Amino acid sequence: MSYKNNNFFHGIMFHHFHDNKIHLKSQGSIDKDDFYKIINFIGINNILDADVFYEKLKNNKLKNNEVCLTFDDAIKSQIDVALPILEEIKIKSFFFVYTSMFHDHPDNLEVFRYFRTNFFNSVNEFYDDFYKVLDKDLFFFFEKNNNKINETKTKFPFYTIEDIKFRLIRDNFLTKDEYEQNMFHMIKEKKYNYKDFYKKIFFQKNDLQLLDNLGHVIGLHSHNHPTLLEKLSYHEQKNEYEKCLSFISSILKKPKNKIKCMSHPCGSYNNDTLDILKKLGMELGFKQTMTFESEKGIKKINNSFLEIAREDQANIYRSMN
């Protein structure tokens, strides 16, 4: 399917929130006052309810100034901090959830993030400790990937160079098992009983049901949230999204064909992904980048109905200040 509005993002992407009580301030997180400021900056009249956005997009009737709010990763702070504000100002939004947390085996992405936020004085202190435990000579790896580091900085200016280097090590230098072994070694040293924090970090099933009952739209975000989903085989990708769809359908007691939306975890996908999503009945998908990627066939900001661009709240917040 083609899409006519190609030069403007239509989604605002949110992840982490803090209240300095239950949810401590972390890298990239915002509080309720920041959230209000972003909404006011965008203009509440420009923000569409999720179901209205979906229908206008399908019918090619979206205006350039019309956006929706999206929330990724089923992070509990979204329920505790953002949801009361959404209900107060009567905005219905998209919530894209990965579902391994509902299977008692959540992916460790958020577990590790909580660890580096709450057990170190700064993210750079965490990076220093991480590299000490890893104990590898990374000079030539970083030299080889210098162009990639600079390109990533251009695409995601809110990341520091150290953030980008860490993600390169996590996603490209190490296997997932190697990365997790390194992290769990650090966790053991800090005596972090991470399973005790699951309810503080992740949505519970009743949170998902609450959002649905309130009229927000729940969509797919894979099952295990692989950081480079595009590197998986067709079968592996299919399994990720089929599991996610099954869990959401079961929890919400809603037929699978009623779930039509998704967002790409870490913005990672390829043509196999798009084929799988179409076969699963997805009619709306969000990516997380505003840039063109001609090597992937992405020649327009909004490349298709499954590749709608979102702006990260961090970039909007930076432009406000």
C-alpha atoms as a PDB file:
ATOM      1  CA  MET A   1       0.000   0.000   0.000  1.00  0.00           C
ATOM      2  CA  SER A   2       1.231   3.473  -0.775  1.00  0.00           C
ATOM      3  CA  TYR A   3       1.015   6.383   1.602  1.00  0.00           C
ATOM      4  CA  LYS A   4       0.817  10.015   0.505  1.00  0.00           C
ATOM      5  CA  ASN A   5       2.061  11.918   3.590  1.00  0.00           C
ATOM      6  CA  ASN A   6       5.758  11.180   3.251  1.00  0.00           C
ATOM      7  CA  ASN A   7       7.552  14.134   4.781  1.00  0.00           C
ATOM      8  CA  PHE A   8       6.269  14.399   8.332  1.00  0.00           C
ATOM      9  CA  PHE A   9       6.350  12.139  11.373  1.00  0.00           C
ATOM     10  CA  HIS A  10       2.940  11.117  12.680  1.00  0.00           C
ATOM     11  CA  GLY A  11       3.845   9.404  15.939  1.00  0.00           C
ATOM     12  CA  ILE A  12       5.450  10.630  19.148  1.00  0.00           C
ATOM     13  CA  MET A  13       7.336   7.790  20.841  1.00  0.00           C
ATOM     14  CA  PHE A  14       7.557   7.462  24.629  1.00  0.00           C
ATOM     15  CA  HIS A  15       9.286   4.887  26.824  1.00  0.00           C
ATOM     16  CA  HIS A  16      10.336   5.726  30.388  1.00  0.00           C
ATOM     17  CA  PHE A  17       8.843   7.987  33.036  1.00  0.00           C
ATOM     18  CA  HIS A  18       9.940   8.840  36.567  1.00  0.00           C
ATOM     19  CA  ASP A  19       8.290  10.130  39.723  1.00  0.00           C
ATOM     20  CA  ASN A  20      11.340   9.848  42.024  1.00  0.00           C
ATOM     21  CA  LYS A  21       9.271   7.639  44.337  1.00  0.00           C
ATOM     22  CA  ILE A  22       8.490   4.283  42.778  1.00  0.00           C
ATOM     23  CA  HIS A  23      10.263   5.051  39.509  1.00  0.00           C
ATOM     24  CA  LEU A  24      13.623   6.789  39.796  1.00  0.00           C
ATOM     25  CA  LYS A  25      14.909   9.170  37.170  1.00  0.00           C
ATOM     26  CA  SER A  26      16.825   7.277  34.508  1.00  0.00           C
ATOM     27  CA  GLN A  27      18.537   7.946  31.216  1.00  0.00           C
ATOM     28  CA  GLY A  28      15.948   9.473  28.868  1.00  0.00           C
ATOM     29  CA  SER A  29      13.048   9.340  31.346  1.00  0.00           C
ATOM     30  CA  ILE A  30      10.632  12.231  31.854  1.00  0.00           C
ATOM     31  CA  ASP A  31       8.268  13.158  34.690  1.00  0.00           C
ATOM     32  CA  LYS A  32       4.628  14.255  34.576  1.00  0.00           C
ATOM     33  CA  ASP A  33       5.531  17.931  34.216  1.00  0.00           C
ATOM     34  CA  ASP A  34       7.759  17.157  31.226  1.00  0.00           C
ATOM     35  CA  PHE A  35       4.929  15.115  29.724  1.00  0.00           C
ATOM     36  CA  TYR A  36       2.495  18.018  30.071  1.00  0.00           C
ATOM     37  CA  LYS A  37       5.043  20.365  28.500  1.00  0.00           C
ATOM     38  CA  ILE A  38       5.557  18.081  25.487  1.00  0.00           C
ATOM     39  CA  ILE A  39       1.800  17.761  24.957  1.00  0.00           C
ATOM     40  CA  ASN A  40       1.360  21.523  25.164  1.00  0.00           C
ATOM     41  CA  PHE A  41       4.291  22.044  22.799  1.00  0.00           C
ATOM     42  CA  ILE A  42       2.772  19.687  20.225  1.00  0.00           C
ATOM     43  CA  GLY A  43      -0.667  21.197  20.768  1.00  0.00           C
ATOM     44  CA  ILE A  44      -3.452  19.082  22.145  1.00  0.00           C
ATOM     45  CA  ASN A  45      -5.612  19.850  19.092  1.00  0.00           C
ATOM     46  CA  ASN A  46      -2.979  18.203  16.888  1.00  0.00           C
ATOM     47  CA  ILE A  47      -3.061  14.920  18.839  1.00  0.00           C
ATOM     48  CA  LEU A  48      -5.571  12.360  17.604  1.00  0.00           C
ATOM     49  CA  ASP A  49      -7.041   9.470  19.566  1.00  0.00           C
ATOM     50  CA  ALA A  50      -5.473   6.193  18.437  1.00  0.00           C
ATOM     51  CA  ASP A  51      -8.626   4.835  16.789  1.00  0.00           C
ATOM     52  CA  VAL A  52      -9.235   8.129  14.941  1.00  0.00           C
ATOM     53  CA  PHE A  53      -5.598   8.199  13.814  1.00  0.00           C
ATOM     54  CA  TYR A  54      -5.893   4.628  12.524  1.00  0.00           C
ATOM     55  CA  GLU A  55      -9.019   5.373  10.473  1.00  0.00           C
ATOM     56  CA  LYS A  56      -7.652   8.626   9.034  1.00  0.00           C
ATOM     57  CA  LEU A  57      -4.392   6.914   8.073  1.00  0.00           C
ATOM     58  CA  LYS A  58      -6.241   4.055   6.359  1.00  0.00           C
ATOM     59  CA  ASN A  59      -8.272   6.550   4.353  1.00  0.00           C
ATOM     60  CA  ASN A  60      -5.295   8.803   3.522  1.00  0.00           C
ATOM     61  CA  LYS A  61      -6.912  11.721   5.343  1.00  0.00           C
ATOM     62  CA  LEU A  62      -4.169  12.565   7.841  1.00  0.00           C
ATOM     63  CA  LYS A  63      -3.013  16.166   7.836  1.00  0.00           C
ATOM     64  CA  ASN A  64       0.680  16.984   8.272  1.00  0.00           C
ATOM     65  CA  ASN A  65       0.110  18.439  11.729  1.00  0.00           C
ATOM     66  CA  GLU A  66      -1.847  15.428  13.055  1.00  0.00           C
ATOM     67  CA  VAL A  67      -0.017  12.992  15.319  1.00  0.00           C
ATOM     68  CA  CYS A  68      -0.681  10.262  17.843  1.00  0.00           C
ATOM     69  CA  LEU A  69       1.057   9.268  21.075  1.00  0.00           C
ATOM     70  CA  THR A  70       2.714   5.848  21.250  1.00  0.00           C
ATOM     71  CA  PHE A  71       4.211   3.953  24.191  1.00  0.00           C
ATOM     72  CA  ASP A  72       6.601   1.031  23.702  1.00  0.00           C
ATOM     73  CA  ASP A  73       7.775  -1.905  25.805  1.00  0.00           C
ATOM     74  CA  ALA A  74       5.013  -2.339  28.436  1.00  0.00           C
ATOM     75  CA  ILE A  75       6.970  -0.400  31.066  1.00  0.00           C
ATOM     76  CA  LYS A  76       5.140  -0.015  34.372  1.00  0.00           C
ATOM     77  CA  SER A  77       6.010   3.674  34.768  1.00  0.00           C
ATOM     78  CA  GLN A  78       3.768   4.359  31.768  1.00  0.00           C
ATOM     79  CA  ILE A  79       0.802   3.107  33.796  1.00  0.00           C
ATOM     80  CA  ASP A  80       1.799   4.926  36.975  1.00  0.00           C
ATOM     81  CA  VAL A  81       2.885   8.285  35.536  1.00  0.00           C
ATOM     82  CA  ALA A  82       1.594   8.749  31.968  1.00  0.00           C
ATOM     83  CA  LEU A  83      -1.799   7.024  32.042  1.00  0.00           C
ATOM     84  CA  PRO A  84      -3.430   9.317  34.650  1.00  0.00           C
ATOM     85  CA  ILE A  85      -2.479  12.316  32.502  1.00  0.00           C
ATOM     86  CA  LEU A  86      -3.809  10.696  29.324  1.00  0.00           C
ATOM     87  CA  GLU A  87      -7.108  10.057  31.088  1.00  0.00           C
ATOM     88  CA  GLU A  88      -7.230  13.573  32.514  1.00  0.00           C
ATOM     89  CA  ILE A  89      -6.781  15.223  29.115  1.00  0.00           C
ATOM     90  CA  LYS A  90      -8.845  12.527  27.366  1.00  0.00           C
ATOM     91  CA  ILE A  91      -6.303  11.277  24.838  1.00  0.00           C
ATOM     92  CA  LYS A  92      -6.407   7.622  23.803  1.00  0.00           C
ATOM     93  CA  SER A  93      -3.026   6.310  22.715  1.00  0.00           C
ATOM     94  CA  PHE A  94      -1.204   3.304  21.259  1.00  0.00           C
ATOM     95  CA  PHE A  95       0.580   0.918  23.626  1.00  0.00           C
ATOM     96  CA  PHE A  96       2.920  -1.539  21.917  1.00  0.00           C
ATOM     97  CA  VAL A  97       3.892  -4.431  24.157  1.00  0.00           C
ATOM     98  CA  TYR A  98       6.323  -7.278  23.968  1.00  0.00           C
ATOM     99  CA  THR A  99       4.840 -10.269  25.709  1.00  0.00           C
ATOM    100  CA  SER A 100       7.544 -12.472  27.223  1.00  0.00           C
ATOM    101  CA  MET A 101       6.831 -10.781  30.577  1.00  0.00           C
ATOM    102  CA  PHE A 102       3.399 -12.412  30.576  1.00  0.00           C
ATOM    103  CA  HIS A 103       5.066 -15.810  30.190  1.00  0.00           C
ATOM    104  CA  ASP A 104       7.100 -15.465  33.415  1.00  0.00           C
ATOM    105  CA  HIS A 105      10.258 -15.228  31.321  1.00  0.00           C
ATOM    106  CA  PRO A 106      10.601 -11.540  30.431  1.00  0.00           C
ATOM    107  CA  ASP A 107      13.359 -10.454  28.145  1.00  0.00           C
ATOM    108  CA  ASN A 108      16.149  -8.897  30.193  1.00  0.00           C
ATOM    109  CA  LEU A 109      16.339  -5.591  28.307  1.00  0.00           C
ATOM    110  CA  GLU A 110      14.412  -3.655  30.973  1.00  0.00           C
ATOM    111  CA  VAL A 111      15.876  -5.722  33.811  1.00  0.00           C
ATOM    112  CA  PHE A 112      19.350  -4.640  32.755  1.00  0.00           C
ATOM    113  CA  ARG A 113      18.250  -1.040  32.291  1.00  0.00           C
ATOM    114  CA  TYR A 114      16.779  -0.947  35.788  1.00  0.00           C
ATOM    115  CA  PHE A 115      20.045  -2.400  37.089  1.00  0.00           C
ATOM    116  CA  ARG A 116      22.272   0.250  35.516  1.00  0.00           C
ATOM    117  CA  THR A 117      19.928   3.018  36.686  1.00  0.00           C
ATOM    118  CA  ASN A 118      19.562   1.931  40.294  1.00  0.00           C
ATOM    119  CA  PHE A 119      22.912   0.327  41.136  1.00  0.00           C
ATOM    120  CA  PHE A 120      25.354   2.870  39.670  1.00  0.00           C
ATOM    121  CA  ASN A 121      25.881   6.573  40.273  1.00  0.00           C
ATOM    122  CA  SER A 122      25.808   7.295  36.543  1.00  0.00           C
ATOM    123  CA  VAL A 123      25.463   5.480  33.250  1.00  0.00           C
ATOM    124  CA  ASN A 124      29.153   6.109  32.527  1.00  0.00           C
ATOM    125  CA  GLU A 125      30.079   4.384  35.786  1.00  0.00           C
ATOM    126  CA  PHE A 126      28.043   1.424  34.551  1.00  0.00           C
ATOM    127  CA  TYR A 127      29.855   1.452  31.191  1.00  0.00           C
ATOM    128  CA  ASP A 128      33.242   1.506  32.953  1.00  0.00           C
ATOM    129  CA  ASP A 129      32.268  -1.497  35.061  1.00  0.00           C
ATOM    130  CA  PHE A 130      30.824  -3.311  32.040  1.00  0.00           C
ATOM    131  CA  TYR A 131      34.052  -2.977  30.047  1.00  0.00           C
ATOM    132  CA  LYS A 132      36.165  -4.056  33.026  1.00  0.00           C
ATOM    133  CA  VAL A 133      34.155  -7.261  33.351  1.00  0.00           C
ATOM    134  CA  LEU A 134      34.175  -7.805  29.587  1.00  0.00           C
ATOM    135  CA  ASP A 135      37.961  -7.401  29.503  1.00  0.00           C
ATOM    136  CA  LYS A 136      38.313  -7.207  25.704  1.00  0.00           C
ATOM    137  CA  ASP A 137      40.454  -5.030  23.461  1.00  0.00           C
ATOM    138  CA  LEU A 138      37.821  -3.056  21.556  1.00  0.00           C
ATOM    139  CA  PHE A 139      40.015  -0.479  19.832  1.00  0.00           C
ATOM    140  CA  PHE A 140      39.955  -2.057  16.355  1.00  0.00           C
ATOM    141  CA  PHE A 141      36.243  -2.894  16.620  1.00  0.00           C
ATOM    142  CA  PHE A 142      35.385   0.747  17.282  1.00  0.00           C
ATOM    143  CA  GLU A 143      37.793   1.894  14.533  1.00  0.00           C
ATOM    144  CA  LYS A 144      36.118  -0.440  12.059  1.00  0.00           C
ATOM    145  CA  ASN A 145      32.670   0.838  13.040  1.00  0.00           C
ATOM    146  CA  ASN A 146      33.512   4.532  13.230  1.00  0.00           C
ATOM    147  CA  ASN A 147      31.233   5.420  10.300  1.00  0.00           C
ATOM    148  CA  LYS A 148      28.372   3.465  11.837  1.00  0.00           C
ATOM    149  CA  ILE A 149      28.882   5.269  15.148  1.00  0.00           C
ATOM    150  CA  ASN A 150      28.680   8.650  13.406  1.00  0.00           C
ATOM    151  CA  GLU A 151      25.633   7.620  11.353  1.00  0.00           C
ATOM    152  CA  THR A 152      23.840   6.448  14.482  1.00  0.00           C
ATOM    153  CA  LYS A 153      24.636   9.730  16.212  1.00  0.00           C
ATOM    154  CA  THR A 154      23.038  11.577  13.299  1.00  0.00           C
ATOM    155  CA  LYS A 155      19.922   9.389  13.411  1.00  0.00           C
ATOM    156  CA  PHE A 156      19.612   9.445  17.203  1.00  0.00           C
ATOM    157  CA  PRO A 157      21.248  12.643  18.486  1.00  0.00           C
ATOM    158  CA  PHE A 158      19.971  12.083  22.030  1.00  0.00           C
ATOM    159  CA  TYR A 159      22.370   9.124  22.394  1.00  0.00           C
ATOM    160  CA  THR A 160      25.871   9.905  23.582  1.00  0.00           C
ATOM    161  CA  ILE A 161      28.845   8.359  21.773  1.00  0.00           C
ATOM    162  CA  GLU A 162      29.309   6.066  24.786  1.00  0.00           C
ATOM    163  CA  ASP A 163      25.665   4.979  24.518  1.00  0.00           C
ATOM    164  CA  ILE A 164      26.164   4.126  20.853  1.00  0.00           C
ATOM    165  CA  LYS A 165      29.401   2.229  21.482  1.00  0.00           C
ATOM    166  CA  PHE A 166      27.760   0.201  24.233  1.00  0.00           C
ATOM    167  CA  ARG A 167      24.856  -0.737  21.961  1.00  0.00           C
ATOM    168  CA  LEU A 168      27.294  -1.769  19.230  1.00  0.00           C
ATOM    169  CA  ILE A 169      29.071  -4.072  21.670  1.00  0.00           C
ATOM    170  CA  ARG A 170      25.759  -5.473  22.901  1.00  0.00           C
ATOM    171  CA  ASP A 171      24.230  -6.028  19.467  1.00  0.00           C
ATOM    172  CA  ASN A 172      27.137  -6.630  17.088  1.00  0.00           C
ATOM    173  CA  PHE A 173      30.283  -7.625  18.975  1.00  0.00           C
ATOM    174  CA  LEU A 174      28.767 -10.043  21.485  1.00  0.00           C
ATOM    175  CA  THR A 175      26.208 -12.781  21.068  1.00  0.00           C
ATOM    176  CA  LYS A 176      23.116 -12.409  23.210  1.00  0.00           C
ATOM    177  CA  ASP A 177      24.379 -15.172  25.518  1.00  0.00           C
ATOM    178  CA  GLU A 178      27.772 -13.506  25.908  1.00  0.00           C
ATOM    179  CA  TYR A 179      26.184 -10.158  26.677  1.00  0.00           C
ATOM    180  CA  GLU A 180      23.832 -11.632  29.246  1.00  0.00           C
ATOM    181  CA  GLN A 181      26.637 -13.602  30.908  1.00  0.00           C
ATOM    182  CA  ASN A 182      28.555 -10.356  31.335  1.00  0.00           C
ATOM    183  CA  MET A 183      25.509  -8.589  32.753  1.00  0.00           C
ATOM    184  CA  PHE A 184      24.604 -11.383  35.140  1.00  0.00           C
ATOM    185  CA  HIS A 185      28.160 -11.438  36.436  1.00  0.00           C
ATOM    186  CA  MET A 186      27.785  -7.744  37.278  1.00  0.00           C
ATOM    187  CA  ILE A 187      24.346  -8.322  38.781  1.00  0.00           C
ATOM    188  CA  LYS A 188      25.721 -11.043  41.037  1.00  0.00           C
ATOM    189  CA  GLU A 189      28.487  -8.713  42.220  1.00  0.00           C
ATOM    190  CA  LYS A 190      25.897  -6.067  43.155  1.00  0.00           C
ATOM    191  CA  LYS A 191      23.537  -8.615  44.755  1.00  0.00           C
ATOM    192  CA  TYR A 192      20.607  -7.481  42.630  1.00  0.00           C
ATOM    193  CA  ASN A 193      17.695  -9.910  43.031  1.00  0.00           C
ATOM    194  CA  TYR A 194      16.135  -8.841  39.760  1.00  0.00           C
ATOM    195  CA  LYS A 195      13.077 -11.132  39.870  1.00  0.00           C
ATOM    196  CA  ASP A 196      11.869  -9.254  42.943  1.00  0.00           C
ATOM    197  CA  PHE A 197      11.450  -6.161  40.761  1.00  0.00           C
ATOM    198  CA  TYR A 198       9.396  -7.590  37.891  1.00  0.00           C
ATOM    199  CA  LYS A 199       6.122  -6.016  39.080  1.00  0.00           C
ATOM    200  CA  LYS A 200       7.831  -2.643  39.443  1.00  0.00           C
ATOM    201  CA  ILE A 201       9.349  -2.805  35.963  1.00  0.00           C
ATOM    202  CA  PHE A 202       6.756  -4.465  33.739  1.00  0.00           C
ATOM    203  CA  PHE A 203       3.047  -4.349  32.937  1.00  0.00           C
ATOM    204  CA  GLN A 204       0.941  -7.035  34.540  1.00  0.00           C
ATOM    205  CA  LYS A 205      -1.959  -8.656  32.683  1.00  0.00           C
ATOM    206  CA  ASN A 206      -4.480  -6.448  34.479  1.00  0.00           C
ATOM    207  CA  ASP A 207      -2.608  -3.338  33.237  1.00  0.00           C
ATOM    208  CA  LEU A 208      -3.110  -4.488  29.669  1.00  0.00           C
ATOM    209  CA  GLN A 209      -6.787  -5.161  30.326  1.00  0.00           C
ATOM    210  CA  LEU A 210      -7.182  -1.747  31.981  1.00  0.00           C
ATOM    211  CA  LEU A 211      -5.718   0.056  28.963  1.00  0.00           C
ATOM    212  CA  ASP A 212      -8.015  -1.843  26.622  1.00  0.00           C
ATOM    213  CA  ASN A 213     -11.079  -1.156  28.756  1.00  0.00           C
ATOM    214  CA  LEU A 214     -10.227   2.554  28.800  1.00  0.00           C
ATOM    215  CA  GLY A 215     -10.161   2.665  25.004  1.00  0.00           C
ATOM    216  CA  HIS A 216      -6.433   2.748  24.334  1.00  0.00           C
ATOM    217  CA  VAL A 217      -5.161   0.602  21.470  1.00  0.00           C
ATOM    218  CA  ILE A 218      -2.864  -2.349  22.215  1.00  0.00           C
ATOM    219  CA  GLY A 219      -0.481  -3.534  19.519  1.00  0.00           C
ATOM    220  CA  LEU A 220       2.367  -5.948  18.848  1.00  0.00           C
ATOM    221  CA  HIS A 221       6.015  -5.318  19.681  1.00  0.00           C
ATOM    222  CA  SER A 222       7.354  -8.892  19.295  1.00  0.00           C
ATOM    223  CA  HIS A 223       7.549 -11.529  22.058  1.00  0.00           C
ATOM    224  CA  ASN A 224      11.161 -11.250  23.270  1.00  0.00           C
ATOM    225  CA  HIS A 225      12.072  -7.752  22.014  1.00  0.00           C
ATOM    226  CA  PRO A 226      15.215  -8.702  20.049  1.00  0.00           C
ATOM    227  CA  THR A 227      17.330  -5.597  19.554  1.00  0.00           C
ATOM    228  CA  LEU A 228      18.159  -6.604  15.963  1.00  0.00           C
ATOM    229  CA  LEU A 229      15.052  -8.449  14.826  1.00  0.00           C
ATOM    230  CA  GLU A 230      16.106  -8.005  11.192  1.00  0.00           C
ATOM    231  CA  LYS A 231      18.988 -10.423  11.821  1.00  0.00           C
ATOM    232  CA  LEU A 232      16.598 -13.256  12.681  1.00  0.00           C
ATOM    233  CA  SER A 233      15.459 -15.833  10.145  1.00  0.00           C
ATOM    234  CA  TYR A 234      11.995 -15.645   8.604  1.00  0.00           C
ATOM    235  CA  HIS A 235      10.813 -18.460  10.875  1.00  0.00           C
ATOM    236  CA  GLU A 236      12.249 -16.808  13.989  1.00  0.00           C
ATOM    237  CA  GLN A 237      10.625 -13.478  13.162  1.00  0.00           C
ATOM    238  CA  LYS A 238       7.318 -15.193  12.447  1.00  0.00           C
ATOM    239  CA  ASN A 239       7.494 -16.943  15.805  1.00  0.00           C
ATOM    240  CA  GLU A 240       8.196 -13.626  17.579  1.00  0.00           C
ATOM    241  CA  TYR A 241       5.078 -11.954  16.185  1.00  0.00           C
ATOM    242  CA  GLU A 242       2.779 -14.968  16.288  1.00  0.00           C
ATOM    243  CA  LYS A 243       3.531 -15.450  19.985  1.00  0.00           C
ATOM    244  CA  CYS A 244       3.015 -11.764  20.687  1.00  0.00           C
ATOM    245  CA  LEU A 245      -0.318 -11.765  18.863  1.00  0.00           C
ATOM    246  CA  SER A 246      -1.487 -14.910  20.671  1.00  0.00           C
ATOM    247  CA  PHE A 247      -0.636 -13.575  24.124  1.00  0.00           C
ATOM    248  CA  ILE A 248      -2.312 -10.210  23.564  1.00  0.00           C
ATOM    249  CA  SER A 249      -5.393 -11.872  22.080  1.00  0.00           C
ATOM    250  CA  SER A 250      -5.644 -14.265  25.030  1.00  0.00           C
ATOM    251  CA  ILE A 251      -5.124 -11.624  27.735  1.00  0.00           C
ATOM    252  CA  LEU A 252      -7.627  -9.205  26.193  1.00  0.00           C
ATOM    253  CA  LYS A 253     -10.062 -11.999  25.242  1.00  0.00           C
ATOM    254  CA  LYS A 254     -10.148 -10.448  21.806  1.00  0.00           C
ATOM    255  CA  PRO A 255     -10.028 -12.221  18.412  1.00  0.00           C
ATOM    256  CA  LYS A 256      -6.633 -12.023  16.742  1.00  0.00           C
ATOM    257  CA  ASN A 257      -8.122 -10.322  13.698  1.00  0.00           C
ATOM    258  CA  LYS A 258      -9.165  -7.370  15.894  1.00  0.00           C
ATOM    259  CA  ILE A 259      -5.512  -6.537  16.653  1.00  0.00           C
ATOM    260  CA  LYS A 260      -4.245  -4.514  13.718  1.00  0.00           C
ATOM    261  CA  CYS A 261      -1.330  -2.362  14.914  1.00  0.00           C
ATOM    262  CA  MET A 262       2.322  -2.783  15.851  1.00  0.00           C
ATOM    263  CA  SER A 263       5.656  -1.042  16.261  1.00  0.00           C
ATOM    264  CA  HIS A 264       9.089  -2.378  15.307  1.00  0.00           C
ATOM    265  CA  PRO A 265      11.296  -3.090  18.376  1.00  0.00           C
ATOM    266  CA  CYS A 266      14.365  -0.842  18.220  1.00  0.00           C
ATOM    267  CA  GLY A 267      13.176   0.147  14.729  1.00  0.00           C
ATOM    268  CA  SER A 268      14.617  -3.119  13.403  1.00  0.00           C
ATOM    269  CA  TYR A 269      12.886  -4.901  10.528  1.00  0.00           C
ATOM    270  CA  ASN A 270      13.356  -6.041   6.936  1.00  0.00           C
ATOM    271  CA  ASN A 271      11.199  -7.213   4.035  1.00  0.00           C
ATOM    272  CA  ASP A 272      10.605 -10.570   5.751  1.00  0.00           C
ATOM    273  CA  THR A 273       9.194  -8.694   8.748  1.00  0.00           C
ATOM    274  CA  LEU A 274       6.804  -6.685   6.598  1.00  0.00           C
ATOM    275  CA  ASP A 275       5.617  -9.830   4.800  1.00  0.00           C
ATOM    276  CA  ILE A 276       4.970 -11.604   8.119  1.00  0.00           C
ATOM    277  CA  LEU A 277       3.090  -8.629   9.553  1.00  0.00           C
ATOM    278  CA  LYS A 278       0.868  -8.340   6.487  1.00  0.00           C
ATOM    279  CA  LYS A 279       0.029 -12.057   6.699  1.00  0.00           C
ATOM    280  CA  LEU A 280      -0.854 -11.594  10.390  1.00  0.00           C
ATOM    281  CA  GLY A 281      -3.312  -8.866   9.422  1.00  0.00           C
ATOM    282  CA  MET A 282      -1.365  -5.838  10.624  1.00  0.00           C
ATOM    283  CA  GLU A 283      -2.576  -2.631   8.971  1.00  0.00           C
ATOM    284  CA  LEU A 284      -0.540  -0.030  10.837  1.00  0.00           C
ATOM    285  CA  GLY A 285       3.098  -0.179  11.912  1.00  0.00           C
ATOM    286  CA  PHE A 286       5.430   2.401  13.422  1.00  0.00           C
ATOM    287  CA  LYS A 287       9.182   2.642  13.098  1.00  0.00           C
ATOM    288  CA  GLN A 288      11.355   4.890  15.234  1.00  0.00           C
ATOM    289  CA  THR A 289      13.460   6.843  12.806  1.00  0.00           C
ATOM    290  CA  MET A 290      12.960  10.000  10.788  1.00  0.00           C
ATOM    291  CA  THR A 291      15.822   9.252   8.385  1.00  0.00           C
ATOM    292  CA  PHE A 292      15.960   7.692   4.939  1.00  0.00           C
ATOM    293  CA  GLU A 293      17.711   4.330   4.598  1.00  0.00           C
ATOM    294  CA  SER A 294      18.025   3.659   0.885  1.00  0.00           C
ATOM    295  CA  GLU A 295      19.979   0.447   1.486  1.00  0.00           C
ATOM    296  CA  LYS A 296      16.811  -0.954   3.048  1.00  0.00           C
ATOM    297  CA  GLY A 297      14.561   0.456   0.350  1.00  0.00           C
ATOM    298  CA  ILE A 298      13.354   3.217   2.685  1.00  0.00           C
ATOM    299  CA  LYS A 299      13.158   6.237   0.411  1.00  0.00           C
ATOM    300  CA  LYS A 300      10.440   8.174   2.236  1.00  0.00           C
ATOM    301  CA  ILE A 301       9.971   9.123   5.876  1.00  0.00           C
ATOM    302  CA  ASN A 302       6.643   7.285   5.906  1.00  0.00           C
ATOM    303  CA  ASN A 303       7.541   4.445   3.569  1.00  0.00           C
ATOM    304  CA  SER A 304       4.332   2.404   3.900  1.00  0.00           C
ATOM    305  CA  PHE A 305       1.445   1.769   6.273  1.00  0.00           C
ATOM    306  CA  LEU A 306       3.794  -0.482   8.241  1.00  0.00           C
ATOM    307  CA  GLU A 307       6.615   2.090   8.310  1.00  0.00           C
ATOM    308  CA  ILE A 308       5.106   5.246   9.804  1.00  0.00           C
ATOM    309  CA  ALA A 309       7.765   7.545  11.261  1.00  0.00           C
ATOM    310  CA  ARG A 310       7.830   8.548  14.913  1.00  0.00           C
ATOM    311  CA  GLU A 311       9.785  11.257  16.638  1.00  0.00           C
ATOM    312  CA  ASP A 312      11.331  10.321  19.954  1.00  0.00           C
ATOM    313  CA  GLN A 313      10.114  12.442  22.854  1.00  0.00           C
ATOM    314  CA  ALA A 314      13.767  13.125  23.700  1.00  0.00           C
ATOM    315  CA  ASN A 315      14.250  15.049  20.450  1.00  0.00           C
ATOM    316  CA  ILE A 316      11.072  17.033  21.004  1.00  0.00           C
ATOM    317  CA  TYR A 317      12.116  17.811  24.579  1.00  0.00           C
ATOM    318  CA  ARG A 318      15.522  18.988  23.359  1.00  0.00           C
ATOM    319  CA  SER A 319      13.926  21.286  20.781  1.00  0.00           C
ATOM    320  CA  MET A 320      11.767  22.844  23.510  1.00  0.00           C
ATOM    321  CA  ASN A 321      14.750  23.797  25.636  1.00  0.00           C
END
